[in-house]
């Protein structure tokens, strides 16, 4: 029997979910290790053997939970997107004026990506592969609907109050927020080297964070504001 087709009974005999007291913890451990490996080495460079060696479980159990390397990578992508979306839902943007809500969402995105560079690298890896793995995940599609709905609510409220101009595509607005925040992490090393300026200092990050938030809010504001 192939390792990739290990069944539940075999998993129980080899220390799988049938015998562990914390199957969720085992799965979480695998995903945490795999995220770092895929972020550091890319999809092609990461090896299941190496991931297994750094976990508290075995290669057999990785195949039990995720079937194969692609299944593991898709699960890592899903958890990476779920992480940022979970926190977005706690921002209480409805309690803020539209411009303040847009600024808060932008600042959060900037802060999250800065604090989670592996998320940025993982997205870069998937883009190198032309997002082929995302095709196998309906969950990611659903996860990313939430941020568009949140942004749509903020934008429509701002238009109704005369704060934001009409005619903005919300997906374009989301792309602008993501791009400005993403670039600060993905291109930090090259910019720091080329322009002889450390872009990772607290001062540089605070300055860039303010520029990103000001840019997004200014883009959305009504000309009369």
Protein backbone atom coordinates (compact mmCIF):
# COMPACT_ATOMS: atom_id res chain seq x y z
CA UNK A 1 0.00 0.00 0.00
CA UNK A 2 1.33 3.43 -0.94
CA UNK A 3 2.08 6.01 1.77
CA UNK A 4 -0.20 8.39 -0.12
CA UNK A 5 -3.14 6.03 0.21
CA UNK A 6 -2.69 5.16 3.89
CA UNK A 7 -6.09 4.39 5.41
CA UNK A 8 -7.55 5.22 8.80
CA UNK A 9 -6.84 1.81 10.31
CA UNK A 10 -3.20 1.94 9.24
CA UNK A 11 -2.94 5.48 10.62
CA UNK A 12 -4.22 4.28 13.97
CA UNK A 13 -1.65 1.46 14.07
CA UNK A 14 1.18 3.89 13.27
CA UNK A 15 0.29 6.54 15.77
CA UNK A 16 -2.21 8.50 13.64
CA UNK A 17 -5.41 10.30 14.62
CA UNK A 18 -6.80 7.09 16.09
CA UNK A 19 -4.17 7.18 18.84
CA UNK A 20 -3.20 10.82 19.31
CA UNK A 21 -4.85 12.96 21.92
CA UNK A 22 -4.47 16.07 19.80
CA UNK A 23 -5.06 15.49 16.06
CA UNK A 24 -5.71 19.21 15.55
CA UNK A 25 -2.38 19.99 17.18
CA UNK A 26 -0.59 17.52 14.91
CA UNK A 27 -2.19 19.07 11.86
CA UNK A 28 -1.35 22.57 13.08
CA UNK A 29 2.28 21.60 13.66
CA UNK A 30 2.57 20.20 10.14
CA UNK A 31 1.05 23.33 8.61
CA UNK A 32 3.30 25.67 10.61
CA UNK A 33 6.45 23.85 9.54
CA UNK A 34 5.27 23.48 5.95
CA UNK A 35 4.48 27.19 5.67
CA UNK A 36 8.06 28.10 6.59
CA UNK A 37 9.50 25.52 4.22
CA UNK A 38 7.35 26.57 1.25
CA UNK A 39 7.98 30.25 1.97
CA UNK A 40 11.75 29.73 2.20
CA UNK A 41 12.24 27.23 -0.63
CA UNK A 42 9.23 27.59 -2.89
CA UNK A 43 6.87 24.83 -3.95
CA UNK A 44 9.44 23.05 -6.10
CA UNK A 45 12.27 23.34 -3.58
CA UNK A 46 10.38 22.20 -0.48
CA UNK A 47 10.55 18.48 0.31
CA UNK A 48 8.02 16.46 2.28
CA UNK A 49 10.88 14.49 3.87
CA UNK A 50 12.41 17.67 5.23
CA UNK A 51 9.05 18.99 6.43
CA UNK A 52 8.39 15.71 8.24
CA UNK A 53 11.82 15.79 9.88
CA UNK A 54 11.04 19.19 11.41
CA UNK A 55 7.58 18.24 12.72
CA UNK A 56 6.49 16.23 15.73
CA UNK A 57 5.03 13.56 13.45
CA UNK A 58 5.99 11.47 10.42
CA UNK A 59 5.91 11.58 6.64
CA UNK A 60 3.19 8.91 6.72
CA UNK A 61 1.00 11.18 8.80
CA UNK A 62 1.55 14.13 6.46
CA UNK A 63 0.18 11.98 3.65
CA UNK A 64 -2.64 10.81 5.91
CA UNK A 65 -3.78 14.38 6.61
CA UNK A 66 -3.02 16.00 3.23
CA UNK A 67 -2.74 13.11 0.68
CA UNK A 68 0.27 14.54 -1.16
CA UNK A 69 2.61 17.51 -1.45
CA UNK A 70 0.14 19.54 -3.49
CA UNK A 71 -2.59 18.90 -0.94
CA UNK A 72 -0.28 20.11 1.80
CA UNK A 73 0.60 23.26 -0.13
CA UNK A 74 -3.06 24.05 -0.80
CA UNK A 75 -3.83 23.59 2.90
CA UNK A 76 -0.97 25.95 3.79
CA UNK A 77 -2.33 28.56 1.38
CA UNK A 78 -5.80 28.19 2.85
CA UNK A 79 -4.56 28.70 6.40
CA UNK A 80 -2.43 31.66 5.36
CA UNK A 81 -5.41 33.46 3.83
CA UNK A 82 -7.67 32.43 6.71
CA UNK A 83 -5.27 34.05 9.18
CA UNK A 84 -5.53 37.55 7.76
CA UNK A 85 -9.26 37.26 7.09
CA UNK A 86 -10.01 36.15 10.67
CA UNK A 87 -8.39 39.25 12.13
CA UNK A 88 -10.01 41.55 9.56
CA UNK A 89 -13.38 40.49 10.94
CA UNK A 90 -12.44 41.85 14.39
CA UNK A 91 -11.62 45.40 13.26
CA UNK A 92 -15.10 46.85 14.04
CA UNK A 93 -15.04 49.09 10.98
CA UNK A 94 -18.76 49.77 11.25
CA UNK A 95 -18.11 51.87 14.33
CA UNK A 96 -15.78 54.21 12.44
CA UNK A 97 -16.44 57.02 9.98
CA UNK A 98 -15.90 55.77 6.39
CA UNK A 99 -12.54 57.50 5.86
CA UNK A 100 -11.31 56.30 9.26
CA UNK A 101 -12.54 52.78 8.51
CA UNK A 102 -10.68 52.73 5.19
CA UNK A 103 -7.55 54.02 6.88
CA UNK A 104 -7.86 51.40 9.63
CA UNK A 105 -8.24 48.57 7.13
CA UNK A 106 -5.26 49.82 5.14
CA UNK A 107 -3.08 50.18 8.23
CA UNK A 108 -4.07 46.71 9.38
CA UNK A 109 -3.15 45.21 6.01
CA UNK A 110 0.21 46.98 6.08
CA UNK A 111 0.92 45.85 9.65
CA UNK A 112 -0.18 42.26 9.05
CA UNK A 113 1.94 41.76 5.99
CA UNK A 114 4.92 43.40 7.65
CA UNK A 115 4.54 41.09 10.66
CA UNK A 116 3.97 38.00 8.47
CA UNK A 117 6.58 38.05 5.69
CA UNK A 118 6.08 34.33 5.12
CA UNK A 119 2.53 35.10 4.00
CA UNK A 120 3.91 37.48 1.39
CA UNK A 121 6.51 34.96 0.23
CA UNK A 122 3.90 32.23 0.01
CA UNK A 123 1.70 34.38 -2.22
CA UNK A 124 4.74 35.17 -4.36
CA UNK A 125 5.44 31.45 -4.71
CA UNK A 126 1.88 30.78 -5.85
CA UNK A 127 2.09 33.61 -8.37
CA UNK A 128 5.27 32.06 -9.80
CA UNK A 129 3.14 28.97 -10.43
CA UNK A 130 0.39 31.09 -12.03
CA UNK A 131 -1.99 30.35 -9.15
CA UNK A 132 -2.50 26.79 -10.38
CA UNK A 133 -2.87 25.44 -6.85
CA UNK A 134 -5.62 27.91 -5.98
CA UNK A 135 -7.79 26.18 -8.57
CA UNK A 136 -8.06 23.26 -6.15
CA UNK A 137 -9.37 25.33 -3.25
CA UNK A 138 -12.95 26.50 -3.05
CA UNK A 139 -12.22 27.58 0.51
CA UNK A 140 -9.83 30.33 -0.57
CA UNK A 141 -12.42 31.76 -2.93
CA UNK A 142 -14.88 31.97 -0.06
CA UNK A 143 -12.33 33.40 2.35
CA UNK A 144 -11.51 36.31 0.10
CA UNK A 145 -15.13 37.21 -0.53
CA UNK A 146 -15.29 38.52 3.05
CA UNK A 147 -12.72 41.28 2.59
CA UNK A 148 -14.46 42.52 -0.56
CA UNK A 149 -17.79 42.58 1.25
CA UNK A 150 -16.23 44.47 4.15
CA UNK A 151 -14.62 47.00 1.84
CA UNK A 152 -17.81 47.34 -0.20
CA UNK A 153 -19.78 48.21 2.94
CA UNK A 154 -17.24 50.88 3.96
CA UNK A 155 -17.12 52.33 0.47
CA UNK A 156 -20.90 52.45 -0.04
CA UNK A 157 -21.34 54.10 3.33
CA UNK A 158 -18.74 56.69 2.36
CA UNK A 159 -20.42 57.40 -0.97
CA UNK A 160 -23.80 57.78 0.73
CA UNK A 161 -22.33 60.30 3.18
CA UNK A 162 -20.51 62.21 0.43
CA UNK A 163 -17.08 61.27 1.79
CA UNK A 164 -16.01 59.02 -1.09
CA UNK A 165 -16.34 59.66 -4.79
CA UNK A 166 -18.51 57.42 -6.91
CA UNK A 167 -17.24 55.06 -9.60
CA UNK A 168 -14.50 53.21 -7.70
CA UNK A 169 -14.29 49.48 -8.34
CA UNK A 170 -13.97 47.88 -4.90
CA UNK A 171 -11.71 45.11 -6.19
CA UNK A 172 -9.41 47.80 -7.62
CA UNK A 173 -9.43 49.48 -4.22
CA UNK A 174 -8.59 46.19 -2.52
CA UNK A 175 -5.80 45.60 -5.03
CA UNK A 176 -4.35 49.04 -4.30
CA UNK A 177 -4.33 48.39 -0.55
CA UNK A 178 -2.79 44.96 -1.03
CA UNK A 179 -0.22 46.07 -3.57
CA UNK A 180 1.13 48.97 -1.53
CA UNK A 181 1.34 46.85 1.61
CA UNK A 182 2.74 43.81 -0.20
CA UNK A 183 5.44 45.76 -2.02
CA UNK A 184 6.82 47.05 1.25
CA UNK A 185 7.72 43.47 2.20
CA UNK A 186 8.41 41.83 -1.17
CA UNK A 187 10.79 44.56 -2.42
CA UNK A 188 12.24 45.78 0.86
CA UNK A 189 15.60 44.10 0.41
CA UNK A 190 16.20 45.44 -3.09
CA UNK A 191 15.07 48.96 -2.23
CA UNK A 192 17.23 49.00 0.89
CA UNK A 193 20.28 47.90 -1.09
CA UNK A 194 19.72 50.13 -4.13
CA UNK A 195 18.91 53.33 -2.25
CA UNK A 196 21.20 52.70 0.73
CA UNK A 197 18.29 53.15 3.13
CA UNK A 198 17.20 50.56 5.68
CA UNK A 199 13.50 50.13 4.95
CA UNK A 200 12.98 47.88 7.96
CA UNK A 201 13.69 50.39 10.73
CA UNK A 202 10.75 51.42 12.92
CA UNK A 203 11.06 54.96 11.55
CA UNK A 204 11.02 53.82 7.92
CA UNK A 205 8.07 51.50 8.51
CA UNK A 206 6.06 54.19 10.30
CA UNK A 207 6.73 56.65 7.48
CA UNK A 208 5.82 54.15 4.79
CA UNK A 209 2.69 53.06 6.68
CA UNK A 210 1.48 56.65 6.80
CA UNK A 211 2.19 57.16 3.09
CA UNK A 212 0.28 54.00 2.15
CA UNK A 213 -2.75 54.92 4.28
CA UNK A 214 -2.77 58.53 3.03
CA UNK A 215 -2.53 57.35 -0.58
CA UNK A 216 -5.46 54.95 -0.30
CA UNK A 217 -7.74 57.36 1.55
CA UNK A 218 -6.87 60.25 -0.80
CA UNK A 219 -7.67 58.05 -3.79
CA UNK A 220 -11.14 57.33 -2.44
CA UNK A 221 -12.08 60.80 -1.18
CA UNK A 222 -14.64 62.90 -2.96
CA UNK A 223 -13.12 65.97 -4.74
CA UNK A 224 -15.22 68.18 -2.51
CA UNK A 225 -13.58 66.88 0.65
